[in-house]
Amino acid sequence: MRRATKQASEARGRQAEAAAEAALAQDGFATLARRVRTGAGEIDLVMERAGLLVFVEVKARATLTDAAFALGPRQQARLMAAAEAWMAANPGHGAAGVRFDVLLVDGKGRVRRIADAFRAMG
């Protein structure tokens, strides 16, 4: 039973990531990487448009409101550390800047983007 639940959750996550990636591609972003694993954590999507490097966290919940509250400070810190690791391993991106976006996906497949959702301090 647990395995089936985990597989269903994994499938929903992949569908949400695909919907988020498609929405960003429609806005002119190119995909540089998907589901990047670093020692610091995982990055759902790495996208770029006109030199702007965007690290994307995708949150899928039943409602957009629930999704919006699903990213806490600890996870933000892990995402920032993972982004630093990715940039160190992939120099030459982000000439126009670096940003962290959160894409929310609800149970009906609607996607909302929170551009520049949070920033590294310091």
PDB file of N, CA and C in Angstrom:
ATOM      1  N   MET A   1       0.824  -1.197   0.000  1.00  0.00           N
ATOM      2  CA  MET A   1       0.000   0.000   0.000  1.00  0.00           C
ATOM      3  C   MET A   1       0.869   1.262   0.000  1.00  0.00           C
ATOM      4  N   ARG A   2       1.864   1.272   0.865  1.00  0.00           N
ATOM      5  CA  ARG A   2       2.745   2.437   0.943  1.00  0.00           C
ATOM      6  C   ARG A   2       3.467   2.680  -0.370  1.00  0.00           C
ATOM      7  N   ARG A   3       3.909   1.612  -0.997  1.00  0.00           N
ATOM      8  CA  ARG A   3       4.639   1.737  -2.257  1.00  0.00           C
ATOM      9  C   ARG A   3       3.754   2.345  -3.343  1.00  0.00           C
ATOM     10  N   ALA A   4       2.511   1.922  -3.401  1.00  0.00           N
ATOM     11  CA  ALA A   4       1.576   2.467  -4.397  1.00  0.00           C
ATOM     12  C   ALA A   4       1.343   3.953  -4.156  1.00  0.00           C
ATOM     13  N   THR A   5       1.223   4.349  -2.898  1.00  0.00           N
ATOM     14  CA  THR A   5       1.027   5.753  -2.555  1.00  0.00           C
ATOM     15  C   THR A   5       2.245   6.567  -2.965  1.00  0.00           C
ATOM     16  N   LYS A   6       3.435   6.030  -2.691  1.00  0.00           N
ATOM     17  CA  LYS A   6       4.664   6.729  -3.061  1.00  0.00           C
ATOM     18  C   LYS A   6       4.773   6.867  -4.575  1.00  0.00           C
ATOM     19  N   GLN A   7       4.425   5.812  -5.293  1.00  0.00           N
ATOM     20  CA  GLN A   7       4.480   5.865  -6.756  1.00  0.00           C
ATOM     21  C   GLN A   7       3.482   6.879  -7.311  1.00  0.00           C
ATOM     22  N   ALA A   8       2.293   6.940  -6.730  1.00  0.00           N
ATOM     23  CA  ALA A   8       1.282   7.905  -7.180  1.00  0.00           C
ATOM     24  C   ALA A   8       1.762   9.327  -6.902  1.00  0.00           C
ATOM     25  N   SER A   9       2.360   9.529  -5.748  1.00  0.00           N
ATOM     26  CA  SER A   9       2.890  10.846  -5.387  1.00  0.00           C
ATOM     27  C   SER A   9       4.011  11.246  -6.341  1.00  0.00           C
ATOM     28  N   GLU A  10       4.877  10.309  -6.644  1.00  0.00           N
ATOM     29  CA  GLU A  10       5.985  10.555  -7.582  1.00  0.00           C
ATOM     30  C   GLU A  10       5.438  10.936  -8.958  1.00  0.00           C
ATOM     31  N   ALA A  11       4.415  10.229  -9.407  1.00  0.00           N
ATOM     32  CA  ALA A  11       3.816  10.519 -10.709  1.00  0.00           C
ATOM     33  C   ALA A  11       3.188  11.916 -10.723  1.00  0.00           C
ATOM     34  N   ARG A  12       2.493  12.286  -9.646  1.00  0.00           N
ATOM     35  CA  ARG A  12       1.903  13.627  -9.558  1.00  0.00           C
ATOM     36  C   ARG A  12       2.989  14.695  -9.579  1.00  0.00           C
ATOM     37  N   GLY A  13       4.083  14.432  -8.881  1.00  0.00           N
ATOM     38  CA  GLY A  13       5.201  15.373  -8.866  1.00  0.00           C
ATOM     39  C   GLY A  13       5.798  15.569 -10.244  1.00  0.00           C
ATOM     40  N   ARG A  14       5.973  14.481 -10.957  1.00  0.00           N
ATOM     41  CA  ARG A  14       6.525  14.575 -12.319  1.00  0.00           C
ATOM     42  C   ARG A  14       5.569  15.319 -13.252  1.00  0.00           C
ATOM     43  N   GLN A  15       4.267  15.072 -13.106  1.00  0.00           N
ATOM     44  CA  GLN A  15       3.280  15.786 -13.929  1.00  0.00           C
ATOM     45  C   GLN A  15       3.315  17.281 -13.624  1.00  0.00           C
ATOM     46  N   ALA A  16       3.418  17.627 -12.352  1.00  0.00           N
ATOM     47  CA  ALA A  16       3.471  19.038 -11.959  1.00  0.00           C
ATOM     48  C   ALA A  16       4.727  19.697 -12.513  1.00  0.00           C
ATOM     49  N   GLU A  17       5.851  19.003 -12.439  1.00  0.00           N
ATOM     50  CA  GLU A  17       7.098  19.550 -12.974  1.00  0.00           C
ATOM     51  C   GLU A  17       7.002  19.742 -14.481  1.00  0.00           C
ATOM     52  N   ALA A  18       6.384  18.800 -15.171  1.00  0.00           N
ATOM     53  CA  ALA A  18       6.222  18.920 -16.620  1.00  0.00           C
ATOM     54  C   ALA A  18       5.328  20.109 -16.964  1.00  0.00           C
ATOM     55  N   ALA A  19       4.267  20.314 -16.191  1.00  0.00           N
ATOM     56  CA  ALA A  19       3.367  21.456 -16.424  1.00  0.00           C
ATOM     57  C   ALA A  19       4.107  22.771 -16.173  1.00  0.00           C
ATOM     58  N   ALA A  20       4.903  22.813 -15.120  1.00  0.00           N
ATOM     59  CA  ALA A  20       5.677  24.019 -14.796  1.00  0.00           C
ATOM     60  C   ALA A  20       6.699  24.307 -15.889  1.00  0.00           C
ATOM     61  N   GLU A  21       7.390  23.278 -16.330  1.00  0.00           N
ATOM     62  CA  GLU A  21       8.397  23.443 -17.383  1.00  0.00           C
ATOM     63  C   GLU A  21       7.745  23.946 -18.674  1.00  0.00           C
ATOM     64  N   ALA A  22       6.581  23.394 -19.015  1.00  0.00           N
ATOM     65  CA  ALA A  22       5.875  23.822 -20.223  1.00  0.00           C
ATOM     66  C   ALA A  22       5.461  25.288 -20.119  1.00  0.00           C
ATOM     67  N   ALA A  23       5.007  25.712 -18.943  1.00  0.00           N
ATOM     68  CA  ALA A  23       4.602  27.110 -18.750  1.00  0.00           C
ATOM     69  C   ALA A  23       5.800  28.042 -18.923  1.00  0.00           C
ATOM     70  N   LEU A  24       6.941  27.652 -18.388  1.00  0.00           N
ATOM     71  CA  LEU A  24       8.140  28.478 -18.528  1.00  0.00           C
ATOM     72  C   LEU A  24       8.642  28.483 -19.977  1.00  0.00           C
ATOM     73  N   ALA A  25       8.578  27.341 -20.631  1.00  0.00           N
ATOM     74  CA  ALA A  25       8.997  27.262 -22.036  1.00  0.00           C
ATOM     75  C   ALA A  25       8.126  28.180 -22.897  1.00  0.00           C
ATOM     76  N   GLN A  26       6.847  28.257 -22.564  1.00  0.00           N
ATOM     77  CA  GLN A  26       5.928  29.126 -23.298  1.00  0.00           C
ATOM     78  C   GLN A  26       6.320  30.595 -23.130  1.00  0.00           C
ATOM     79  N   ASP A  27       6.963  30.906 -22.014  1.00  0.00           N
ATOM     80  CA  ASP A  27       7.442  32.269 -21.758  1.00  0.00           C
ATOM     81  C   ASP A  27       8.865  32.493 -22.267  1.00  0.00           C
ATOM     82  N   GLY A  28       9.383  31.550 -23.033  1.00  0.00           N
ATOM     83  CA  GLY A  28      10.683  31.730 -23.660  1.00  0.00           C
ATOM     84  C   GLY A  28      11.875  31.196 -22.898  1.00  0.00           C
ATOM     85  N   PHE A  29      11.646  30.454 -21.831  1.00  0.00           N
ATOM     86  CA  PHE A  29      12.750  29.892 -21.062  1.00  0.00           C
ATOM     87  C   PHE A  29      13.202  28.570 -21.681  1.00  0.00           C
ATOM     88  N   ALA A  30      14.502  28.354 -21.666  1.00  0.00           N
ATOM     89  CA  ALA A  30      15.084  27.091 -22.128  1.00  0.00           C
ATOM     90  C   ALA A  30      15.437  26.252 -20.897  1.00  0.00           C
ATOM     91  N   THR A  31      15.197  24.966 -20.990  1.00  0.00           N
ATOM     92  CA  THR A  31      15.518  24.062 -19.896  1.00  0.00           C
ATOM     93  C   THR A  31      16.989  23.699 -19.950  1.00  0.00           C
ATOM     94  N   LEU A  32      17.696  23.937 -18.854  1.00  0.00           N
ATOM     95  CA  LEU A  32      19.098  23.539 -18.754  1.00  0.00           C
ATOM     96  C   LEU A  32      19.229  22.206 -18.015  1.00  0.00           C
ATOM     97  N   ALA A  33      18.349  21.967 -17.050  1.00  0.00           N
ATOM     98  CA  ALA A  33      18.430  20.722 -16.272  1.00  0.00           C
ATOM     99  C   ALA A  33      17.104  20.462 -15.570  1.00  0.00           C
ATOM    100  N   ARG A  34      16.843  19.172 -15.336  1.00  0.00           N
ATOM    101  CA  ARG A  34      15.661  18.732 -14.595  1.00  0.00           C
ATOM    102  C   ARG A  34      16.110  17.839 -13.444  1.00  0.00           C
ATOM    103  N   ARG A  35      15.443  17.974 -12.323  1.00  0.00           N
ATOM    104  CA  ARG A  35      15.675  17.111 -11.162  1.00  0.00           C
ATOM    105  C   ARG A  35      17.164  16.928 -10.858  1.00  0.00           C
ATOM    106  N   VAL A  36      17.822  18.029 -10.631  1.00  0.00           N
ATOM    107  CA  VAL A  36      19.257  18.024 -10.363  1.00  0.00           C
ATOM    108  C   VAL A  36      19.490  17.645  -8.904  1.00  0.00           C
ATOM    109  N   ARG A  37      20.332  16.669  -8.704  1.00  0.00           N
ATOM    110  CA  ARG A  37      20.691  16.278  -7.332  1.00  0.00           C
ATOM    111  C   ARG A  37      22.104  16.774  -7.042  1.00  0.00           C
ATOM    112  N   THR A  38      22.230  17.501  -5.938  1.00  0.00           N
ATOM    113  CA  THR A  38      23.543  17.954  -5.481  1.00  0.00           C
ATOM    114  C   THR A  38      23.713  17.474  -4.042  1.00  0.00           C
ATOM    115  N   GLY A  39      24.879  17.650  -3.502  1.00  0.00           N
ATOM    116  CA  GLY A  39      25.108  17.285  -2.111  1.00  0.00           C
ATOM    117  C   GLY A  39      24.257  18.101  -1.150  1.00  0.00           C
ATOM    118  N   ALA A  40      23.812  19.270  -1.594  1.00  0.00           N
ATOM    119  CA  ALA A  40      23.023  20.158  -0.746  1.00  0.00           C
ATOM    120  C   ALA A  40      21.518  19.919  -0.862  1.00  0.00           C
ATOM    121  N   GLY A  41      21.094  19.277  -1.949  1.00  0.00           N
ATOM    122  CA  GLY A  41      19.670  19.059  -2.153  1.00  0.00           C
ATOM    123  C   GLY A  41      19.327  18.957  -3.619  1.00  0.00           C
ATOM    124  N   GLU A  42      18.037  18.903  -3.917  1.00  0.00           N
ATOM    125  CA  GLU A  42      17.560  18.734  -5.288  1.00  0.00           C
ATOM    126  C   GLU A  42      16.964  20.038  -5.811  1.00  0.00           C
ATOM    127  N   ILE A  43      17.181  20.272  -7.101  1.00  0.00           N
ATOM    128  CA  ILE A  43      16.576  21.404  -7.799  1.00  0.00           C
ATOM    129  C   ILE A  43      15.620  20.803  -8.828  1.00  0.00           C
ATOM    130  N   ASP A  44      14.374  21.229  -8.797  1.00  0.00           N
ATOM    131  CA  ASP A  44      13.387  20.674  -9.725  1.00  0.00           C
ATOM    132  C   ASP A  44      13.711  21.021 -11.174  1.00  0.00           C
ATOM    133  N   LEU A  45      13.947  22.310 -11.440  1.00  0.00           N
ATOM    134  CA  LEU A  45      14.242  22.754 -12.804  1.00  0.00           C
ATOM    135  C   LEU A  45      15.274  23.867 -12.773  1.00  0.00           C
ATOM    136  N   VAL A  46      16.136  23.873 -13.782  1.00  0.00           N
ATOM    137  CA  VAL A  46      17.058  24.982 -13.998  1.00  0.00           C
ATOM    138  C   VAL A  46      16.740  25.504 -15.396  1.00  0.00           C
ATOM    139  N   MET A  47      16.339  26.773 -15.471  1.00  0.00           N
ATOM    140  CA  MET A  47      15.898  27.368 -16.726  1.00  0.00           C
ATOM    141  C   MET A  47      16.699  28.640 -16.993  1.00  0.00           C
ATOM    142  N   GLU A  48      16.733  29.047 -18.268  1.00  0.00           N
ATOM    143  CA  GLU A  48      17.446  30.277 -18.607  1.00  0.00           C
ATOM    144  C   GLU A  48      16.746  30.966 -19.768  1.00  0.00           C
ATOM    145  N   ARG A  49      16.709  32.309 -19.685  1.00  0.00           N
ATOM    146  CA  ARG A  49      16.174  33.123 -20.785  1.00  0.00           C
ATOM    147  C   ARG A  49      16.978  34.406 -20.824  1.00  0.00           C
ATOM    148  N   ALA A  50      17.567  34.683 -21.974  1.00  0.00           N
ATOM    149  CA  ALA A  50      18.326  35.920 -22.196  1.00  0.00           C
ATOM    150  C   ALA A  50      19.340  36.163 -21.081  1.00  0.00           C
ATOM    151  N   GLY A  51      20.031  35.120 -20.667  1.00  0.00           N
ATOM    152  CA  GLY A  51      21.071  35.250 -19.653  1.00  0.00           C
ATOM    153  C   GLY A  51      20.584  35.238 -18.217  1.00  0.00           C
ATOM    154  N   LEU A  52      19.265  35.231 -18.005  1.00  0.00           N
ATOM    155  CA  LEU A  52      18.704  35.154 -16.653  1.00  0.00           C
ATOM    156  C   LEU A  52      18.573  33.682 -16.261  1.00  0.00           C
ATOM    157  N   LEU A  53      19.302  33.296 -15.240  1.00  0.00           N
ATOM    158  CA  LEU A  53      19.298  31.917 -14.757  1.00  0.00           C
ATOM    159  C   LEU A  53      18.253  31.797 -13.659  1.00  0.00           C
ATOM    160  N   VAL A  54      17.337  30.834 -13.811  1.00  0.00           N
ATOM    161  CA  VAL A  54      16.255  30.676 -12.844  1.00  0.00           C
ATOM    162  C   VAL A  54      16.259  29.256 -12.292  1.00  0.00           C
ATOM    163  N   PHE A  55      16.356  29.185 -10.967  1.00  0.00           N
ATOM    164  CA  PHE A  55      16.227  27.913 -10.268  1.00  0.00           C
ATOM    165  C   PHE A  55      14.776  27.808  -9.830  1.00  0.00           C
ATOM    166  N   VAL A  56      14.141  26.703 -10.189  1.00  0.00           N
ATOM    167  CA  VAL A  56      12.699  26.572 -10.006  1.00  0.00           C
ATOM    168  C   VAL A  56      12.371  25.461  -9.012  1.00  0.00           C
ATOM    169  N   GLU A  57      11.532  25.801  -8.059  1.00  0.00           N
ATOM    170  CA  GLU A  57      10.957  24.827  -7.141  1.00  0.00           C
ATOM    171  C   GLU A  57       9.491  24.684  -7.522  1.00  0.00           C
ATOM    172  N   VAL A  58       9.048  23.451  -7.731  1.00  0.00           N
ATOM    173  CA  VAL A  58       7.669  23.187  -8.106  1.00  0.00           C
ATOM    174  C   VAL A  58       6.945  22.614  -6.889  1.00  0.00           C
ATOM    175  N   LYS A  59       5.798  23.204  -6.579  1.00  0.00           N
ATOM    176  CA  LYS A  59       4.996  22.732  -5.457  1.00  0.00           C
ATOM    177  C   LYS A  59       3.612  22.374  -5.977  1.00  0.00           C
ATOM    178  N   ALA A  60       3.230  21.130  -5.809  1.00  0.00           N
ATOM    179  CA  ALA A  60       1.920  20.654  -6.257  1.00  0.00           C
ATOM    180  C   ALA A  60       1.092  20.268  -5.029  1.00  0.00           C
ATOM    181  N   ARG A  61      -0.083  20.850  -4.948  1.00  0.00           N
ATOM    182  CA  ARG A  61      -1.021  20.551  -3.880  1.00  0.00           C
ATOM    183  C   ARG A  61      -2.431  20.621  -4.463  1.00  0.00           C
ATOM    184  N   ALA A  62      -3.399  20.261  -3.683  1.00  0.00           N
ATOM    185  CA  ALA A  62      -4.788  20.264  -4.157  1.00  0.00           C
ATOM    186  C   ALA A  62      -5.231  21.661  -4.592  1.00  0.00           C
ATOM    187  N   THR A  63      -4.779  22.678  -3.856  1.00  0.00           N
ATOM    188  CA  THR A  63      -5.139  24.054  -4.205  1.00  0.00           C
ATOM    189  C   THR A  63      -3.866  24.891  -4.355  1.00  0.00           C
ATOM    190  N   LEU A  64      -3.974  25.975  -5.083  1.00  0.00           N
ATOM    191  CA  LEU A  64      -2.831  26.873  -5.246  1.00  0.00           C
ATOM    192  C   LEU A  64      -2.427  27.477  -3.905  1.00  0.00           C
ATOM    193  N   THR A  65      -3.394  27.746  -3.046  1.00  0.00           N
ATOM    194  CA  THR A  65      -3.096  28.296  -1.725  1.00  0.00           C
ATOM    195  C   THR A  65      -2.264  27.321  -0.910  1.00  0.00           C
ATOM    196  N   ASP A  66      -2.679  26.048  -0.907  1.00  0.00           N
ATOM    197  CA  ASP A  66      -1.904  25.032  -0.179  1.00  0.00           C
ATOM    198  C   ASP A  66      -0.488  24.938  -0.734  1.00  0.00           C
ATOM    199  N   ALA A  67      -0.362  24.996  -2.050  1.00  0.00           N
ATOM    200  CA  ALA A  67       0.954  24.911  -2.685  1.00  0.00           C
ATOM    201  C   ALA A  67       1.822  26.106  -2.293  1.00  0.00           C
ATOM    202  N   ALA A  68       1.207  27.270  -2.184  1.00  0.00           N
ATOM    203  CA  ALA A  68       1.957  28.484  -1.878  1.00  0.00           C
ATOM    204  C   ALA A  68       2.607  28.428  -0.505  1.00  0.00           C
ATOM    205  N   PHE A  69       1.998  27.688   0.427  1.00  0.00           N
ATOM    206  CA  PHE A  69       2.532  27.620   1.783  1.00  0.00           C
ATOM    207  C   PHE A  69       3.420  26.396   2.011  1.00  0.00           C
ATOM    208  N   ALA A  70       3.763  25.691   0.941  1.00  0.00           N
ATOM    209  CA  ALA A  70       4.497  24.431   1.076  1.00  0.00           C
ATOM    210  C   ALA A  70       6.019  24.583   1.083  1.00  0.00           C
ATOM    211  N   LEU A  71       6.524  25.777   0.873  1.00  0.00           N
ATOM    212  CA  LEU A  71       7.973  25.985   0.817  1.00  0.00           C
ATOM    213  C   LEU A  71       8.424  26.800   2.023  1.00  0.00           C
ATOM    214  N   GLY A  72       9.061  26.122   2.963  1.00  0.00           N
ATOM    215  CA  GLY A  72       9.502  26.787   4.179  1.00  0.00           C
ATOM    216  C   GLY A  72      10.927  27.293   4.089  1.00  0.00           C
ATOM    217  N   PRO A  73      11.377  28.021   5.113  1.00  0.00           N
ATOM    218  CA  PRO A  73      12.726  28.599   5.126  1.00  0.00           C
ATOM    219  C   PRO A  73      13.841  27.553   5.014  1.00  0.00           C
ATOM    220  N   ARG A  74      13.681  26.417   5.640  1.00  0.00           N
ATOM    221  CA  ARG A  74      14.713  25.376   5.580  1.00  0.00           C
ATOM    222  C   ARG A  74      14.873  24.868   4.148  1.00  0.00           C
ATOM    223  N   GLN A  75      13.747  24.663   3.468  1.00  0.00           N
ATOM    224  CA  GLN A  75      13.809  24.189   2.085  1.00  0.00           C
ATOM    225  C   GLN A  75      14.369  25.281   1.165  1.00  0.00           C
ATOM    226  N   GLN A  76      14.056  26.532   1.436  1.00  0.00           N
ATOM    227  CA  GLN A  76      14.629  27.629   0.656  1.00  0.00           C
ATOM    228  C   GLN A  76      16.148  27.626   0.790  1.00  0.00           C
ATOM    229  N   ALA A  77      16.634  27.440   2.008  1.00  0.00           N
ATOM    230  CA  ALA A  77      18.089  27.419   2.240  1.00  0.00           C
ATOM    231  C   ALA A  77      18.740  26.255   1.495  1.00  0.00           C
ATOM    232  N   ARG A  78      18.098  25.091   1.497  1.00  0.00           N
ATOM    233  CA  ARG A  78      18.644  23.936   0.756  1.00  0.00           C
ATOM    234  C   ARG A  78      18.675  24.221  -0.741  1.00  0.00           C
ATOM    235  N   LEU A  79      17.626  24.853  -1.250  1.00  0.00           N
ATOM    236  CA  LEU A  79      17.572  25.176  -2.671  1.00  0.00           C
ATOM    237  C   LEU A  79      18.678  26.164  -3.045  1.00  0.00           C
ATOM    238  N   MET A  80      18.905  27.152  -2.199  1.00  0.00           N
ATOM    239  CA  MET A  80      19.973  28.124  -2.473  1.00  0.00           C
ATOM    240  C   MET A  80      21.346  27.445  -2.457  1.00  0.00           C
ATOM    241  N   ALA A  81      21.561  26.542  -1.512  1.00  0.00           N
ATOM    242  CA  ALA A  81      22.839  25.822  -1.452  1.00  0.00           C
ATOM    243  C   ALA A  81      23.006  24.919  -2.675  1.00  0.00           C
ATOM    244  N   ALA A  82      21.932  24.263  -3.086  1.00  0.00           N
ATOM    245  CA  ALA A  82      21.984  23.404  -4.276  1.00  0.00           C
ATOM    246  C   ALA A  82      22.272  24.249  -5.518  1.00  0.00           C
ATOM    247  N   ALA A  83      21.691  25.449  -5.580  1.00  0.00           N
ATOM    248  CA  ALA A  83      21.928  26.349  -6.716  1.00  0.00           C
ATOM    249  C   ALA A  83      23.396  26.763  -6.777  1.00  0.00           C
ATOM    250  N   GLU A  84      23.973  27.056  -5.615  1.00  0.00           N
ATOM    251  CA  GLU A  84      25.399  27.401  -5.588  1.00  0.00           C
ATOM    252  C   GLU A  84      26.243  26.249  -6.123  1.00  0.00           C
ATOM    253  N   ALA A  85      25.907  25.026  -5.726  1.00  0.00           N
ATOM    254  CA  ALA A  85      26.640  23.847  -6.202  1.00  0.00           C
ATOM    255  C   ALA A  85      26.480  23.700  -7.721  1.00  0.00           C
ATOM    256  N   TRP A  86      25.253  23.914  -8.223  1.00  0.00           N
ATOM    257  CA  TRP A  86      25.021  23.787  -9.665  1.00  0.00           C
ATOM    258  C   TRP A  86      25.824  24.838 -10.428  1.00  0.00           C
ATOM    259  N   MET A  87      25.819  26.079  -9.933  1.00  0.00           N
ATOM    260  CA  MET A  87      26.552  27.149 -10.620  1.00  0.00           C
ATOM    261  C   MET A  87      28.057  26.886 -10.608  1.00  0.00           C
ATOM    262  N   ALA A  88      28.568  26.325  -9.524  1.00  0.00           N
ATOM    263  CA  ALA A  88      30.001  26.009  -9.461  1.00  0.00           C
ATOM    264  C   ALA A  88      30.363  24.942 -10.492  1.00  0.00           C
ATOM    265  N   ALA A  89      29.454  23.988 -10.699  1.00  0.00           N
ATOM    266  CA  ALA A  89      29.705  22.903 -11.647  1.00  0.00           C
ATOM    267  C   ALA A  89      29.375  23.291 -13.091  1.00  0.00           C
ATOM    268  N   ASN A  90      28.626  24.383 -13.272  1.00  0.00           N
ATOM    269  CA  ASN A  90      28.174  24.813 -14.602  1.00  0.00           C
ATOM    270  C   ASN A  90      28.409  26.308 -14.784  1.00  0.00           C
ATOM    271  N   PRO A  91      29.681  26.723 -14.842  1.00  0.00           N
ATOM    272  CA  PRO A  91      29.951  28.159 -14.987  1.00  0.00           C
ATOM    273  C   PRO A  91      29.480  28.669 -16.353  1.00  0.00           C
ATOM    274  N   GLY A  92      29.330  29.975 -16.435  1.00  0.00           N
ATOM    275  CA  GLY A  92      28.978  30.571 -17.720  1.00  0.00           C
ATOM    276  C   GLY A  92      27.502  30.856 -17.888  1.00  0.00           C
ATOM    277  N   HIS A  93      26.693  30.604 -16.874  1.00  0.00           N
ATOM    278  CA  HIS A  93      25.259  30.895 -16.948  1.00  0.00           C
ATOM    279  C   HIS A  93      24.942  32.029 -15.993  1.00  0.00           C
ATOM    280  N   GLY A  94      23.852  32.710 -16.261  1.00  0.00           N
ATOM    281  CA  GLY A  94      23.388  33.742 -15.348  1.00  0.00           C
ATOM    282  C   GLY A  94      24.028  35.105 -15.542  1.00  0.00           C
ATOM    283  N   ALA A  95      24.472  35.408 -16.765  1.00  0.00           N
ATOM    284  CA  ALA A  95      25.099  36.709 -17.022  1.00  0.00           C
ATOM    285  C   ALA A  95      24.150  37.864 -16.714  1.00  0.00           C
ATOM    286  N   ALA A  96      22.848  37.648 -16.879  1.00  0.00           N
ATOM    287  CA  ALA A  96      21.863  38.705 -16.626  1.00  0.00           C
ATOM    288  C   ALA A  96      21.266  38.604 -15.226  1.00  0.00           C
ATOM    289  N   GLY A  97      21.766  37.665 -14.419  1.00  0.00           N
ATOM    290  CA  GLY A  97      21.268  37.534 -13.049  1.00  0.00           C
ATOM    291  C   GLY A  97      20.779  36.131 -12.736  1.00  0.00           C
ATOM    292  N   VAL A  98      20.506  35.944 -11.464  1.00  0.00           N
ATOM    293  CA  VAL A  98      20.034  34.650 -10.966  1.00  0.00           C
ATOM    294  C   VAL A  98      18.803  34.907 -10.116  1.00  0.00           C
ATOM    295  N   ARG A  99      17.825  34.029 -10.251  1.00  0.00           N
ATOM    296  CA  ARG A  99      16.569  34.209  -9.533  1.00  0.00           C
ATOM    297  C   ARG A  99      16.031  32.842  -9.103  1.00  0.00           C
ATOM    298  N   PHE A 100      15.226  32.876  -8.053  1.00  0.00           N
ATOM    299  CA  PHE A 100      14.542  31.676  -7.569  1.00  0.00           C
ATOM    300  C   PHE A 100      13.044  31.874  -7.760  1.00  0.00           C
ATOM    301  N   ASP A 101      12.441  31.014  -8.572  1.00  0.00           N
ATOM    302  CA  ASP A 101      10.995  31.068  -8.797  1.00  0.00           C
ATOM    303  C   ASP A 101      10.349  29.848  -8.167  1.00  0.00           C
ATOM    304  N   VAL A 102       9.122  30.018  -7.714  1.00  0.00           N
ATOM    305  CA  VAL A 102       8.320  28.898  -7.243  1.00  0.00           C
ATOM    306  C   VAL A 102       7.138  28.795  -8.186  1.00  0.00           C
ATOM    307  N   LEU A 103       6.914  27.608  -8.712  1.00  0.00           N
ATOM    308  CA  LEU A 103       5.749  27.381  -9.561  1.00  0.00           C
ATOM    309  C   LEU A 103       4.783  26.495  -8.805  1.00  0.00           C
ATOM    310  N   LEU A 104       3.560  26.986  -8.670  1.00  0.00           N
ATOM    311  CA  LEU A 104       2.513  26.289  -7.943  1.00  0.00           C
ATOM    312  C   LEU A 104       1.620  25.579  -8.939  1.00  0.00           C
ATOM    313  N   VAL A 105       1.286  24.337  -8.638  1.00  0.00           N
ATOM    314  CA  VAL A 105       0.405  23.566  -9.513  1.00  0.00           C
ATOM    315  C   VAL A 105      -0.697  22.984  -8.640  1.00  0.00           C
ATOM    316  N   ASP A 106      -1.960  23.235  -9.030  1.00  0.00           N
ATOM    317  CA  ASP A 106      -3.064  22.697  -8.234  1.00  0.00           C
ATOM    318  C   ASP A 106      -3.572  21.382  -8.809  1.00  0.00           C
ATOM    319  N   GLY A 107      -4.551  20.807  -8.150  1.00  0.00           N
ATOM    320  CA  GLY A 107      -5.089  19.501  -8.544  1.00  0.00           C
ATOM    321  C   GLY A 107      -5.712  19.477  -9.920  1.00  0.00           C
ATOM    322  N   LYS A 108      -6.069  20.643 -10.448  1.00  0.00           N
ATOM    323  CA  LYS A 108      -6.655  20.721 -11.788  1.00  0.00           C
ATOM    324  C   LYS A 108      -5.602  21.000 -12.850  1.00  0.00           C
ATOM    325  N   GLY A 109      -4.326  21.086 -12.429  1.00  0.00           N
ATOM    326  CA  GLY A 109      -3.241  21.320 -13.374  1.00  0.00           C
ATOM    327  C   GLY A 109      -2.975  22.785 -13.675  1.00  0.00           C
ATOM    328  N   ARG A 110      -3.637  23.692 -12.953  1.00  0.00           N
ATOM    329  CA  ARG A 110      -3.377  25.112 -13.159  1.00  0.00           C
ATOM    330  C   ARG A 110      -2.010  25.456 -12.576  1.00  0.00           C
ATOM    331  N   VAL A 111      -1.293  26.317 -13.289  1.00  0.00           N
ATOM    332  CA  VAL A 111       0.064  26.690 -12.880  1.00  0.00           C
ATOM    333  C   VAL A 111       0.107  28.187 -12.606  1.00  0.00           C
ATOM    334  N   ARG A 112       0.707  28.549 -11.474  1.00  0.00           N
ATOM    335  CA  ARG A 112       0.950  29.960 -11.148  1.00  0.00           C
ATOM    336  C   ARG A 112       2.414  30.099 -10.789  1.00  0.00           C
ATOM    337  N   ARG A 113       3.038  31.152 -11.301  1.00  0.00           N
ATOM    338  CA  ARG A 113       4.457  31.380 -11.013  1.00  0.00           C
ATOM    339  C   ARG A 113       4.608  32.528 -10.034  1.00  0.00           C
ATOM    340  N   ILE A 114       5.449  32.306  -9.038  1.00  0.00           N
ATOM    341  CA  ILE A 114       5.880  33.378  -8.147  1.00  0.00           C
ATOM    342  C   ILE A 114       7.324  33.643  -8.547  1.00  0.00           C
ATOM    343  N   ALA A 115       7.513  34.667  -9.373  1.00  0.00           N
ATOM    344  CA  ALA A 115       8.854  35.006  -9.850  1.00  0.00           C
ATOM    345  C   ALA A 115       9.621  35.695  -8.731  1.00  0.00           C
ATOM    346  N   ASP A 116      10.904  35.369  -8.636  1.00  0.00           N
ATOM    347  CA  ASP A 116      11.768  35.980  -7.637  1.00  0.00           C
ATOM    348  C   ASP A 116      11.147  35.807  -6.251  1.00  0.00           C
ATOM    349  N   ALA A 117      10.763  34.571  -5.943  1.00  0.00           N
ATOM    350  CA  ALA A 117      10.009  34.245  -4.742  1.00  0.00           C
ATOM    351  C   ALA A 117      10.775  34.497  -3.453  1.00  0.00           C
ATOM    352  N   PHE A 118      12.088  34.320  -3.517  1.00  0.00           N
ATOM    353  CA  PHE A 118      12.924  34.587  -2.345  1.00  0.00           C
ATOM    354  C   PHE A 118      14.334  34.876  -2.817  1.00  0.00           C
ATOM    355  N   ARG A 119      15.136  35.444  -1.928  1.00  0.00           N
ATOM    356  CA  ARG A 119      16.504  35.823  -2.304  1.00  0.00           C
ATOM    357  C   ARG A 119      17.483  35.343  -1.262  1.00  0.00           C
ATOM    358  N   ALA A 120      18.695  35.133  -1.732  1.00  0.00           N
ATOM    359  CA  ALA A 120      19.793  34.808  -0.822  1.00  0.00           C
ATOM    360  C   ALA A 120      20.121  36.056  -0.023  1.00  0.00           C
ATOM    361  N   MET A 121      20.356  35.889   1.229  1.00  0.00           N
ATOM    362  CA  MET A 121      20.693  37.034   2.081  1.00  0.00           C
ATOM    363  C   MET A 121      22.215  37.206   2.095  1.00  0.00           C
ATOM    364  N   GLY A 122      22.642  38.450   2.153  1.00  0.00           N
ATOM    365  CA  GLY A 122      24.077  38.714   2.261  1.00  0.00           C
ATOM    366  C   GLY A 122      24.623  39.111   1.000  1.00  0.00           C
TER     367      GLY A 122
END
